[in-house]
Amino acid sequence: MKPLPRLDVVPLFPAERHALLSLLSSLTPEQWALPTVCEGWCVKDIASHLIGDDIGRLAWQRDAHSATRFEPKNADKFEAELGAFIIRQNEEWVAATRRLSTRMIIDLLGWSGGETQALFESLDPDAMGLGVSWAGESESANWFDLAREYTERWHHQAQIREAVGAPMLYETHLFMPVIDAMIRAVPHSLRGVHSPEGTQLVIEVTGDDPRRFTVRRESRWALYVDADGEPESSVAMDGDTAWRLLTRNISRAEIVRRCQIRGDASLTNAAFDAFALVA
């Protein structure tokens, strides 16, 4: 069985940011103020949040400004502390930047996109950097951290696009890397599901560039790009369903309606309950 290959998302950031800036430049004042799925945040708030993400990364990773880094106080409560830290930082930033005009937000996103791209291109992809918490890693290779960063940008742009009724970024070269990165959350998400060793769950993502992933229970859950024998359970879904499921942007009833489930439904249901990213 083959593990998932490394992702190289660095070339994708400019196109994603260009699409975002083009969209924001076309919005009316009324559209900037539309509510989004992020409770209490409008379109303008999500756009300013993306500036905060860029500036925070530049401060700690480029400039070694330690005040922007998360420092856990209790290793046993790492995820809870990280979640609280992220929420606090996000709310403080968005509240402060409501003073910015929409033109300033667009200009700042153009600047920060260029600065972060230069940073990303300078990094050794195999060197260890910021941990991807939703994969259960306190320290991750830079290529994986940047893949997580790409999903963050794509996901927030998707929230803006849904709010204003714009087409989603479902072009294969921009979208499928999101799935290839997000799916790596599944083994950690299933850590509380204690199936017999050798149990396999196959996840199929259909579409123009389909994917087939196998999650196998060994000493712990592990993710592969192929299967070994007949899986105990499998689920097939399209890409739109997959990213919504992984970010809990979909109801259980809608999951059941959209997915094709075969085999042990209890395993699939446990997986549905477990899936969720830090987003």
C-alpha atoms as a PDB file:
ATOM      1  CA  MET A   1       0.000   0.000   0.000  1.00  0.00           C
ATOM      2  CA  LYS A   2       1.292   3.444  -0.937  1.00  0.00           C
ATOM      3  CA  PRO A   3       1.191   6.468   1.398  1.00  0.00           C
ATOM      4  CA  LEU A   4       0.004   9.788  -0.008  1.00  0.00           C
ATOM      5  CA  PRO A   5       2.709  11.678  -1.909  1.00  0.00           C
ATOM      6  CA  ARG A   6       4.057  15.073  -0.888  1.00  0.00           C
ATOM      7  CA  LEU A   7       2.139  18.111  -2.155  1.00  0.00           C
ATOM      8  CA  ASP A   8       3.675  21.140  -3.854  1.00  0.00           C
ATOM      9  CA  VAL A   9       1.163  23.976  -3.579  1.00  0.00           C
ATOM     10  CA  VAL A  10       3.592  26.912  -3.778  1.00  0.00           C
ATOM     11  CA  PRO A  11       2.845  27.559  -7.489  1.00  0.00           C
ATOM     12  CA  LEU A  12      -0.904  27.706  -6.737  1.00  0.00           C
ATOM     13  CA  PHE A  13      -0.972  30.662  -4.331  1.00  0.00           C
ATOM     14  CA  PRO A  14      -0.688  33.459  -6.954  1.00  0.00           C
ATOM     15  CA  ALA A  15      -3.623  32.141  -9.004  1.00  0.00           C
ATOM     16  CA  GLU A  16      -5.785  31.719  -5.899  1.00  0.00           C
ATOM     17  CA  ARG A  17      -4.980  35.258  -4.714  1.00  0.00           C
ATOM     18  CA  HIS A  18      -5.551  36.704  -8.201  1.00  0.00           C
ATOM     19  CA  ALA A  19      -9.004  35.085  -8.258  1.00  0.00           C
ATOM     20  CA  LEU A  20      -9.772  36.553  -4.832  1.00  0.00           C
ATOM     21  CA  LEU A  21      -8.663  40.071  -5.774  1.00  0.00           C
ATOM     22  CA  SER A  22     -10.642  39.938  -9.016  1.00  0.00           C
ATOM     23  CA  LEU A  23     -13.734  38.901  -7.100  1.00  0.00           C
ATOM     24  CA  LEU A  24     -13.357  41.516  -4.361  1.00  0.00           C
ATOM     25  CA  SER A  25     -12.755  44.263  -6.929  1.00  0.00           C
ATOM     26  CA  SER A  26     -16.119  43.464  -8.523  1.00  0.00           C
ATOM     27  CA  LEU A  27     -18.218  43.631  -5.336  1.00  0.00           C
ATOM     28  CA  THR A  28     -20.730  46.338  -4.534  1.00  0.00           C
ATOM     29  CA  PRO A  29     -20.834  47.981  -1.079  1.00  0.00           C
ATOM     30  CA  GLU A  30     -23.908  45.879  -0.337  1.00  0.00           C
ATOM     31  CA  GLN A  31     -22.086  42.645  -1.193  1.00  0.00           C
ATOM     32  CA  TRP A  32     -19.140  43.517   1.066  1.00  0.00           C
ATOM     33  CA  ALA A  33     -21.621  43.721   3.938  1.00  0.00           C
ATOM     34  CA  LEU A  34     -23.364  40.392   3.260  1.00  0.00           C
ATOM     35  CA  PRO A  35     -23.290  37.819   6.110  1.00  0.00           C
ATOM     36  CA  THR A  36     -21.279  34.616   5.700  1.00  0.00           C
ATOM     37  CA  VAL A  37     -21.314  31.162   7.287  1.00  0.00           C
ATOM     38  CA  CYS A  38     -18.765  32.491   9.806  1.00  0.00           C
ATOM     39  CA  GLU A  39     -21.102  33.671  12.559  1.00  0.00           C
ATOM     40  CA  GLY A  40     -20.867  37.425  13.092  1.00  0.00           C
ATOM     41  CA  TRP A  41     -18.572  37.960  10.109  1.00  0.00           C
ATOM     42  CA  CYS A  42     -19.526  39.584   6.830  1.00  0.00           C
ATOM     43  CA  VAL A  43     -17.649  39.330   3.523  1.00  0.00           C
ATOM     44  CA  LYS A  44     -15.410  42.272   4.472  1.00  0.00           C
ATOM     45  CA  ASP A  45     -14.514  40.585   7.766  1.00  0.00           C
ATOM     46  CA  ILE A  46     -13.342  37.388   6.064  1.00  0.00           C
ATOM     47  CA  ALA A  47     -11.276  39.392   3.581  1.00  0.00           C
ATOM     48  CA  SER A  48      -9.573  41.295   6.410  1.00  0.00           C
ATOM     49  CA  HIS A  49      -9.044  38.006   8.272  1.00  0.00           C
ATOM     50  CA  LEU A  50      -7.002  36.788   5.292  1.00  0.00           C
ATOM     51  CA  ILE A  51      -4.756  39.854   5.623  1.00  0.00           C
ATOM     52  CA  GLY A  52      -4.255  38.923   9.271  1.00  0.00           C
ATOM     53  CA  ASP A  53      -3.261  35.383   8.306  1.00  0.00           C
ATOM     54  CA  ASP A  54      -0.640  36.715   5.901  1.00  0.00           C
ATOM     55  CA  ILE A  55       0.759  39.312   8.274  1.00  0.00           C
ATOM     56  CA  GLY A  56       0.900  36.875  11.164  1.00  0.00           C
ATOM     57  CA  ARG A  57       2.870  34.377   9.095  1.00  0.00           C
ATOM     58  CA  LEU A  58       5.288  37.021   7.837  1.00  0.00           C
ATOM     59  CA  ALA A  59       5.852  38.280  11.380  1.00  0.00           C
ATOM     60  CA  TRP A  60       6.771  34.948  12.955  1.00  0.00           C
ATOM     61  CA  GLN A  61       8.182  32.934  10.044  1.00  0.00           C
ATOM     62  CA  ARG A  62      10.031  35.642   8.110  1.00  0.00           C
ATOM     63  CA  ASP A  63      10.801  38.140  10.863  1.00  0.00           C
ATOM     64  CA  ALA A  64      11.041  35.806  13.897  1.00  0.00           C
ATOM     65  CA  HIS A  65       8.582  37.979  15.836  1.00  0.00           C
ATOM     66  CA  SER A  66       7.745  35.624  18.714  1.00  0.00           C
ATOM     67  CA  ALA A  67       4.736  37.580  20.009  1.00  0.00           C
ATOM     68  CA  THR A  68       2.635  36.215  17.143  1.00  0.00           C
ATOM     69  CA  ARG A  69       3.388  32.542  17.880  1.00  0.00           C
ATOM     70  CA  PHE A  70       1.201  30.159  19.829  1.00  0.00           C
ATOM     71  CA  GLU A  71       2.906  28.808  22.944  1.00  0.00           C
ATOM     72  CA  PRO A  72       0.952  25.955  24.619  1.00  0.00           C
ATOM     73  CA  LYS A  73       0.808  25.952  28.414  1.00  0.00           C
ATOM     74  CA  ASN A  74      -0.488  22.402  28.860  1.00  0.00           C
ATOM     75  CA  ALA A  75       0.475  19.685  26.380  1.00  0.00           C
ATOM     76  CA  ASP A  76      -2.612  17.640  27.321  1.00  0.00           C
ATOM     77  CA  LYS A  77      -4.839  20.540  26.279  1.00  0.00           C
ATOM     78  CA  PHE A  78      -2.930  21.503  23.134  1.00  0.00           C
ATOM     79  CA  GLU A  79      -5.849  21.497  20.695  1.00  0.00           C
ATOM     80  CA  ALA A  80      -8.216  23.313  23.071  1.00  0.00           C
ATOM     81  CA  GLU A  81      -5.615  25.969  23.839  1.00  0.00           C
ATOM     82  CA  LEU A  82      -4.748  26.373  20.166  1.00  0.00           C
ATOM     83  CA  GLY A  83      -8.424  26.734  19.241  1.00  0.00           C
ATOM     84  CA  ALA A  84      -8.962  29.407  21.887  1.00  0.00           C
ATOM     85  CA  PHE A  85      -5.790  31.234  20.805  1.00  0.00           C
ATOM     86  CA  ILE A  86      -6.871  31.261  17.146  1.00  0.00           C
ATOM     87  CA  ILE A  87     -10.387  32.481  17.954  1.00  0.00           C
ATOM     88  CA  ARG A  88      -9.065  35.270  20.184  1.00  0.00           C
ATOM     89  CA  GLN A  89      -6.519  36.451  17.630  1.00  0.00           C
ATOM     90  CA  ASN A  90      -9.036  36.325  14.799  1.00  0.00           C
ATOM     91  CA  GLU A  91     -11.697  38.305  16.656  1.00  0.00           C
ATOM     92  CA  GLU A  92      -9.226  40.950  17.817  1.00  0.00           C
ATOM     93  CA  TRP A  93      -7.846  41.427  14.310  1.00  0.00           C
ATOM     94  CA  VAL A  94     -11.207  41.563  12.553  1.00  0.00           C
ATOM     95  CA  ALA A  95     -12.611  44.025  15.097  1.00  0.00           C
ATOM     96  CA  ALA A  96      -9.608  46.321  14.664  1.00  0.00           C
ATOM     97  CA  THR A  97      -9.633  46.204  10.846  1.00  0.00           C
ATOM     98  CA  ARG A  98     -13.279  47.191  10.496  1.00  0.00           C
ATOM     99  CA  ARG A  99     -11.833  50.703  10.283  1.00  0.00           C
ATOM    100  CA  LEU A 100     -10.273  49.817   6.907  1.00  0.00           C
ATOM    101  CA  SER A 101     -11.949  50.713   3.641  1.00  0.00           C
ATOM    102  CA  THR A 102     -12.625  47.995   1.074  1.00  0.00           C
ATOM    103  CA  ARG A 103     -10.046  49.591  -1.230  1.00  0.00           C
ATOM    104  CA  MET A 104      -7.443  49.351   1.521  1.00  0.00           C
ATOM    105  CA  ILE A 105      -8.305  45.677   2.089  1.00  0.00           C
ATOM    106  CA  ILE A 106      -7.810  44.897  -1.608  1.00  0.00           C
ATOM    107  CA  ASP A 107      -4.512  46.808  -1.691  1.00  0.00           C
ATOM    108  CA  LEU A 108      -3.246  45.082   1.459  1.00  0.00           C
ATOM    109  CA  LEU A 109      -4.198  41.630   0.162  1.00  0.00           C
ATOM    110  CA  GLY A 110      -2.262  42.353  -3.025  1.00  0.00           C
ATOM    111  CA  TRP A 111       0.789  43.374  -1.009  1.00  0.00           C
ATOM    112  CA  SER A 112       0.622  40.542   1.522  1.00  0.00           C
ATOM    113  CA  GLY A 113       0.060  37.987  -1.222  1.00  0.00           C
ATOM    114  CA  GLY A 114       3.304  39.006  -2.893  1.00  0.00           C
ATOM    115  CA  GLU A 115       5.239  39.057   0.381  1.00  0.00           C
ATOM    116  CA  THR A 116       4.012  35.639   1.510  1.00  0.00           C
ATOM    117  CA  GLN A 117       4.706  34.164  -1.936  1.00  0.00           C
ATOM    118  CA  ALA A 118       8.325  35.284  -1.689  1.00  0.00           C
ATOM    119  CA  LEU A 119       8.495  33.701   1.770  1.00  0.00           C
ATOM    120  CA  PHE A 120       6.944  30.419   0.614  1.00  0.00           C
ATOM    121  CA  GLU A 121       9.355  30.154  -2.314  1.00  0.00           C
ATOM    122  CA  SER A 122      12.310  30.664   0.048  1.00  0.00           C
ATOM    123  CA  LEU A 123      11.428  27.767   2.368  1.00  0.00           C
ATOM    124  CA  ASP A 124      12.984  24.316   2.264  1.00  0.00           C
ATOM    125  CA  PRO A 125       9.891  22.126   1.737  1.00  0.00           C
ATOM    126  CA  ASP A 126      11.326  19.277   3.803  1.00  0.00           C
ATOM    127  CA  ALA A 127      12.485  21.388   6.761  1.00  0.00           C
ATOM    128  CA  MET A 128      10.283  21.297   9.846  1.00  0.00           C
ATOM    129  CA  GLY A 129       8.020  24.253  10.534  1.00  0.00           C
ATOM    130  CA  LEU A 130       4.600  25.057  11.949  1.00  0.00           C
ATOM    131  CA  GLY A 131       2.601  21.995  13.008  1.00  0.00           C
ATOM    132  CA  VAL A 132      -0.635  21.054  11.257  1.00  0.00           C
ATOM    133  CA  SER A 133      -2.827  20.580  14.314  1.00  0.00           C
ATOM    134  CA  TRP A 134      -5.737  18.957  12.514  1.00  0.00           C
ATOM    135  CA  ALA A 135      -3.396  16.172  11.413  1.00  0.00           C
ATOM    136  CA  GLY A 136      -2.195  15.689  14.991  1.00  0.00           C
ATOM    137  CA  GLU A 137       1.257  17.173  14.339  1.00  0.00           C
ATOM    138  CA  SER A 138       2.882  19.704  16.661  1.00  0.00           C
ATOM    139  CA  GLU A 139       5.607  20.178  14.034  1.00  0.00           C
ATOM    140  CA  SER A 140       5.220  19.548  10.306  1.00  0.00           C
ATOM    141  CA  ALA A 141       7.348  19.683   7.182  1.00  0.00           C
ATOM    142  CA  ASN A 142       7.000  23.026   5.429  1.00  0.00           C
ATOM    143  CA  TRP A 143       5.341  21.445   2.397  1.00  0.00           C
ATOM    144  CA  PHE A 144       2.504  20.171   4.605  1.00  0.00           C
ATOM    145  CA  ASP A 145       2.181  23.438   6.509  1.00  0.00           C
ATOM    146  CA  LEU A 146       1.897  25.300   3.186  1.00  0.00           C
ATOM    147  CA  ALA A 147      -0.684  22.787   1.956  1.00  0.00           C
ATOM    148  CA  ARG A 148      -2.690  23.601   5.093  1.00  0.00           C
ATOM    149  CA  GLU A 149      -2.226  27.311   4.342  1.00  0.00           C
ATOM    150  CA  TYR A 150      -3.559  26.778   0.828  1.00  0.00           C
ATOM    151  CA  THR A 151      -6.685  25.033   2.138  1.00  0.00           C
ATOM    152  CA  GLU A 152      -7.228  27.960   4.516  1.00  0.00           C
ATOM    153  CA  ARG A 153      -7.104  30.498   1.716  1.00  0.00           C
ATOM    154  CA  TRP A 154      -9.245  28.429  -0.640  1.00  0.00           C
ATOM    155  CA  HIS A 155     -11.798  27.714   2.098  1.00  0.00           C
ATOM    156  CA  HIS A 156     -12.217  31.363   3.119  1.00  0.00           C
ATOM    157  CA  GLN A 157     -12.509  32.438  -0.486  1.00  0.00           C
ATOM    158  CA  ALA A 158     -15.208  29.785  -0.890  1.00  0.00           C
ATOM    159  CA  GLN A 159     -17.108  31.332   2.029  1.00  0.00           C
ATOM    160  CA  ILE A 160     -16.953  34.732   0.339  1.00  0.00           C
ATOM    161  CA  ARG A 161     -18.039  33.296  -3.006  1.00  0.00           C
ATOM    162  CA  GLU A 162     -21.018  31.542  -1.452  1.00  0.00           C
ATOM    163  CA  ALA A 163     -22.097  34.691   0.343  1.00  0.00           C
ATOM    164  CA  VAL A 164     -22.110  36.805  -2.828  1.00  0.00           C
ATOM    165  CA  GLY A 165     -23.338  34.065  -5.183  1.00  0.00           C
ATOM    166  CA  ALA A 166     -20.114  33.856  -7.218  1.00  0.00           C
ATOM    167  CA  PRO A 167     -18.906  30.634  -8.897  1.00  0.00           C
ATOM    168  CA  MET A 168     -16.696  28.457  -6.707  1.00  0.00           C
ATOM    169  CA  LEU A 169     -13.040  27.790  -7.537  1.00  0.00           C
ATOM    170  CA  TYR A 170     -13.643  24.241  -8.708  1.00  0.00           C
ATOM    171  CA  GLU A 171     -11.073  24.251 -11.498  1.00  0.00           C
ATOM    172  CA  THR A 172      -9.225  20.957 -11.059  1.00  0.00           C
ATOM    173  CA  HIS A 173      -5.727  22.406 -10.639  1.00  0.00           C
ATOM    174  CA  LEU A 174      -6.897  24.792  -7.890  1.00  0.00           C
ATOM    175  CA  PHE A 175      -9.439  22.544  -6.155  1.00  0.00           C
ATOM    176  CA  MET A 176      -8.098  18.990  -6.032  1.00  0.00           C
ATOM    177  CA  PRO A 177      -4.992  19.975  -4.006  1.00  0.00           C
ATOM    178  CA  VAL A 178      -7.462  21.188  -1.367  1.00  0.00           C
ATOM    179  CA  ILE A 179      -8.944  17.683  -1.152  1.00  0.00           C
ATOM    180  CA  ASP A 180      -5.491  16.053  -1.258  1.00  0.00           C
ATOM    181  CA  ALA A 181      -4.446  18.182   1.723  1.00  0.00           C
ATOM    182  CA  MET A 182      -7.661  18.099   3.759  1.00  0.00           C
ATOM    183  CA  ILE A 183      -8.009  14.310   3.535  1.00  0.00           C
ATOM    184  CA  ARG A 184      -4.839  14.027   5.638  1.00  0.00           C
ATOM    185  CA  ALA A 185      -6.926  15.108   8.639  1.00  0.00           C
ATOM    186  CA  VAL A 186      -8.863  11.841   8.571  1.00  0.00           C
ATOM    187  CA  PRO A 187      -6.471   9.478  10.449  1.00  0.00           C
ATOM    188  CA  HIS A 188      -6.124  11.921  13.357  1.00  0.00           C
ATOM    189  CA  SER A 189      -9.865  12.584  13.357  1.00  0.00           C
ATOM    190  CA  LEU A 190     -10.493   8.823  13.697  1.00  0.00           C
ATOM    191  CA  ARG A 191      -8.100   8.359  16.631  1.00  0.00           C
ATOM    192  CA  GLY A 192     -11.027   7.680  18.979  1.00  0.00           C
ATOM    193  CA  VAL A 193     -12.552   5.008  16.696  1.00  0.00           C
ATOM    194  CA  HIS A 194     -11.188   1.649  17.915  1.00  0.00           C
ATOM    195  CA  SER A 195     -11.885  -0.810  15.118  1.00  0.00           C
ATOM    196  CA  PRO A 196      -9.996  -4.134  14.813  1.00  0.00           C
ATOM    197  CA  GLU A 197      -6.513  -3.943  13.298  1.00  0.00           C
ATOM    198  CA  GLY A 198      -6.653  -4.213   9.520  1.00  0.00           C
ATOM    199  CA  THR A 199     -10.048  -2.492   9.240  1.00  0.00           C
ATOM    200  CA  GLN A 200     -10.254  -0.374   6.097  1.00  0.00           C
ATOM    201  CA  LEU A 201     -12.457   2.537   5.100  1.00  0.00           C
ATOM    202  CA  VAL A 202     -12.278   3.642   1.462  1.00  0.00           C
ATOM    203  CA  ILE A 203     -13.153   7.237   0.609  1.00  0.00           C
ATOM    204  CA  GLU A 204     -13.824   8.011  -3.047  1.00  0.00           C
ATOM    205  CA  VAL A 205     -14.029  11.566  -4.329  1.00  0.00           C
ATOM    206  CA  THR A 206     -15.646  11.621  -7.760  1.00  0.00           C
ATOM    207  CA  GLY A 207     -15.330  14.189 -10.522  1.00  0.00           C
ATOM    208  CA  ASP A 208     -13.104  15.075 -13.466  1.00  0.00           C
ATOM    209  CA  ASP A 209      -9.976  14.112 -11.496  1.00  0.00           C
ATOM    210  CA  PRO A 210     -11.231  11.422  -9.076  1.00  0.00           C
ATOM    211  CA  ARG A 211      -9.469  10.294  -5.933  1.00  0.00           C
ATOM    212  CA  ARG A 212      -9.557   7.020  -3.963  1.00  0.00           C
ATOM    213  CA  PHE A 213      -8.145   7.003  -0.440  1.00  0.00           C
ATOM    214  CA  THR A 214      -7.902   4.121   2.033  1.00  0.00           C
ATOM    215  CA  VAL A 215      -7.870   4.723   5.778  1.00  0.00           C
ATOM    216  CA  ARG A 216      -6.536   1.581   7.473  1.00  0.00           C
ATOM    217  CA  ARG A 217      -6.422   0.720  11.157  1.00  0.00           C
ATOM    218  CA  GLU A 218      -2.946  -0.504  12.146  1.00  0.00           C
ATOM    219  CA  SER A 219      -1.382   0.462  15.465  1.00  0.00           C
ATOM    220  CA  ARG A 220      -3.206   3.675  14.610  1.00  0.00           C
ATOM    221  CA  TRP A 221      -5.205   4.884  11.620  1.00  0.00           C
ATOM    222  CA  ALA A 222      -3.090   5.545   8.508  1.00  0.00           C
ATOM    223  CA  LEU A 223      -3.913   6.926   5.053  1.00  0.00           C
ATOM    224  CA  TYR A 224      -3.018   5.388   1.695  1.00  0.00           C
ATOM    225  CA  VAL A 225      -3.797   6.007  -1.965  1.00  0.00           C
ATOM    226  CA  ASP A 226      -4.738   2.398  -2.677  1.00  0.00           C
ATOM    227  CA  ALA A 227      -6.518  -0.489  -0.969  1.00  0.00           C
ATOM    228  CA  ASP A 228      -5.337  -3.916   0.176  1.00  0.00           C
ATOM    229  CA  GLY A 229      -8.233  -6.331  -0.167  1.00  0.00           C
ATOM    230  CA  GLU A 230     -11.917  -5.632   0.332  1.00  0.00           C
ATOM    231  CA  PRO A 231     -12.659  -2.721   2.689  1.00  0.00           C
ATOM    232  CA  GLU A 232     -15.153  -3.089   5.530  1.00  0.00           C
ATOM    233  CA  SER A 233     -16.773   0.180   4.506  1.00  0.00           C
ATOM    234  CA  SER A 234     -16.626   2.686   1.661  1.00  0.00           C
ATOM    235  CA  VAL A 235     -18.169   6.028   0.888  1.00  0.00           C
ATOM    236  CA  ALA A 236     -18.287   7.940  -2.400  1.00  0.00           C
ATOM    237  CA  MET A 237     -18.992  11.637  -2.761  1.00  0.00           C
ATOM    238  CA  ASP A 238     -18.289  14.507  -5.112  1.00  0.00           C
ATOM    239  CA  GLY A 239     -15.679  17.151  -4.380  1.00  0.00           C
ATOM    240  CA  ASP A 240     -18.185  19.736  -3.190  1.00  0.00           C
ATOM    241  CA  THR A 241     -19.462  17.301  -0.564  1.00  0.00           C
ATOM    242  CA  ALA A 242     -15.935  16.269   0.445  1.00  0.00           C
ATOM    243  CA  TRP A 243     -14.651  19.708   1.427  1.00  0.00           C
ATOM    244  CA  ARG A 244     -17.901  20.557   3.205  1.00  0.00           C
ATOM    245  CA  LEU A 245     -17.787  17.293   5.147  1.00  0.00           C
ATOM    246  CA  LEU A 246     -14.186  17.821   6.210  1.00  0.00           C
ATOM    247  CA  THR A 247     -14.949  21.342   7.448  1.00  0.00           C
ATOM    248  CA  ARG A 248     -18.375  20.526   8.920  1.00  0.00           C
ATOM    249  CA  ASN A 249     -20.054  22.848   6.447  1.00  0.00           C
ATOM    250  CA  ILE A 250     -22.866  20.363   5.839  1.00  0.00           C
ATOM    251  CA  SER A 251     -25.641  18.735   7.882  1.00  0.00           C
ATOM    252  CA  ARG A 252     -25.809  15.023   8.657  1.00  0.00           C
ATOM    253  CA  ALA A 253     -29.024  14.712   6.628  1.00  0.00           C
ATOM    254  CA  GLU A 254     -27.343  16.320   3.622  1.00  0.00           C
ATOM    255  CA  ILE A 255     -24.301  14.027   4.007  1.00  0.00           C
ATOM    256  CA  VAL A 256     -26.537  10.951   3.892  1.00  0.00           C
ATOM    257  CA  ARG A 257     -28.404  12.318   0.873  1.00  0.00           C
ATOM    258  CA  ARG A 258     -25.250  13.106  -1.082  1.00  0.00           C
ATOM    259  CA  CYS A 259     -23.003  10.134  -0.260  1.00  0.00           C
ATOM    260  CA  GLN A 260     -23.080   6.547  -1.487  1.00  0.00           C
ATOM    261  CA  ILE A 261     -22.282   4.346   1.504  1.00  0.00           C
ATOM    262  CA  ARG A 262     -21.434   0.652   1.221  1.00  0.00           C
ATOM    263  CA  GLY A 263     -20.526  -1.948   3.818  1.00  0.00           C
ATOM    264  CA  ASP A 264     -20.286  -1.250   7.551  1.00  0.00           C
ATOM    265  CA  ALA A 265     -22.326   1.934   8.002  1.00  0.00           C
ATOM    266  CA  SER A 266     -21.319   2.196  11.681  1.00  0.00           C
ATOM    267  CA  LEU A 267     -17.699   2.797  10.647  1.00  0.00           C
ATOM    268  CA  THR A 268     -18.708   5.386   8.076  1.00  0.00           C
ATOM    269  CA  ASN A 269     -20.982   7.129  10.588  1.00  0.00           C
ATOM    270  CA  ALA A 270     -18.161   7.226  13.139  1.00  0.00           C
ATOM    271  CA  ALA A 271     -15.955   8.783  10.486  1.00  0.00           C
ATOM    272  CA  PHE A 272     -18.583  11.413   9.654  1.00  0.00           C
ATOM    273  CA  ASP A 273     -18.796  12.337  13.322  1.00  0.00           C
ATOM    274  CA  ALA A 274     -15.023  12.624  13.593  1.00  0.00           C
ATOM    275  CA  PHE A 275     -14.214  14.692  10.522  1.00  0.00           C
ATOM    276  CA  ALA A 276     -13.516  18.373  11.118  1.00  0.00           C
ATOM    277  CA  LEU A 277     -10.633  20.722  10.446  1.00  0.00           C
ATOM    278  CA  VAL A 278      -9.407  23.725  12.354  1.00  0.00           C
ATOM    279  CA  ALA A 279     -10.725  26.345   9.968  1.00  0.00           C
END
